Amino acid sequence: MTADHALLEFDHVDKYFGETHVLKEVSLDIEDGEVCVVVGPSGSGKSTLLRCANRLEEIQAG
């Protein structure tokens, strides 16, 4: 995914904790002024996605 004015861009992002594959090939673009909601069941990687977006966690690929 490529956007001309993406404020945040994830392109096939992977994140592991040990052998647990937490984020699997996540791709998204969030543009300036866009509102985004992250929804999913417990343990689906919502907090990890936000922590990676804020550079509090390091991504392994993408």
Protein backbone atom coordinates (compact mmCIF):
# COMPACT_ATOMS: atom_id res chain seq x y z
CA MET A 1 0.00 0.00 0.00
CA THR A 2 1.35 3.38 -0.90
CA ALA A 3 -0.18 6.77 -0.18
CA ASP A 4 1.13 10.14 -1.31
CA HIS A 5 0.63 11.81 2.08
CA ALA A 6 0.51 8.91 4.54
CA LEU A 7 1.02 9.98 8.13
CA LEU A 8 1.56 6.34 9.10
CA GLU A 9 2.32 3.47 6.73
CA PHE A 10 2.76 -0.20 7.55
CA ASP A 11 3.76 -2.44 4.64
CA HIS A 12 3.67 -6.18 5.39
CA VAL A 13 4.77 -5.67 9.02
CA ASP A 14 5.62 -8.73 11.12
CA LYS A 15 6.19 -8.80 14.88
CA TYR A 16 7.24 -11.78 16.98
CA PHE A 17 7.48 -12.33 20.72
CA GLY A 18 9.76 -15.34 20.92
CA GLU A 19 8.19 -17.91 18.59
CA THR A 20 4.73 -16.31 18.78
CA HIS A 21 3.88 -14.49 15.53
CA VAL A 22 1.83 -11.54 16.87
CA LEU A 23 1.45 -9.31 13.78
CA LYS A 24 1.30 -11.14 10.46
CA GLU A 25 1.84 -9.17 7.24
CA VAL A 26 -0.07 -6.10 8.49
CA SER A 27 -0.45 -3.37 5.85
CA LEU A 28 -2.22 -0.05 6.34
CA ASP A 29 -2.01 3.63 5.46
CA ILE A 30 -3.36 6.39 7.66
CA GLU A 31 -3.45 9.79 6.02
CA ASP A 32 -3.38 13.22 7.66
CA GLY A 33 -6.81 14.04 9.10
CA GLU A 34 -8.05 10.46 8.87
CA VAL A 35 -9.64 8.82 11.92
CA CYS A 36 -8.86 5.14 12.45
CA VAL A 37 -10.26 2.61 14.92
CA VAL A 38 -8.48 -0.63 15.84
CA VAL A 39 -11.01 -3.31 16.81
CA GLY A 40 -10.51 -7.01 17.47
CA PRO A 41 -10.74 -9.76 20.03
CA SER A 42 -8.45 -10.07 23.03
CA GLY A 43 -4.98 -11.21 22.01
CA SER A 44 -5.31 -10.19 18.35
CA GLY A 45 -2.40 -7.69 18.44
CA LYS A 46 -4.21 -4.34 18.80
CA SER A 47 -1.92 -3.01 21.54
CA THR A 48 1.17 -4.38 19.80
CA LEU A 49 0.15 -2.61 16.58
CA LEU A 50 -0.20 0.69 18.46
CA ARG A 51 3.08 0.15 20.32
CA CYS A 52 4.87 -0.48 17.00
CA ALA A 53 3.26 2.62 15.47
CA ASN A 54 4.62 4.69 18.38
CA ARG A 55 8.04 3.00 18.11
CA LEU A 56 7.75 1.52 21.60
CA GLU A 57 8.23 -1.95 20.09
CA GLU A 58 10.61 -2.88 17.28
CA ILE A 59 9.18 -4.64 14.23
CA GLN A 60 10.99 -7.65 12.79
CA ALA A 61 9.94 -7.25 9.13
CA GLY A 62 8.11 -4.81 6.93
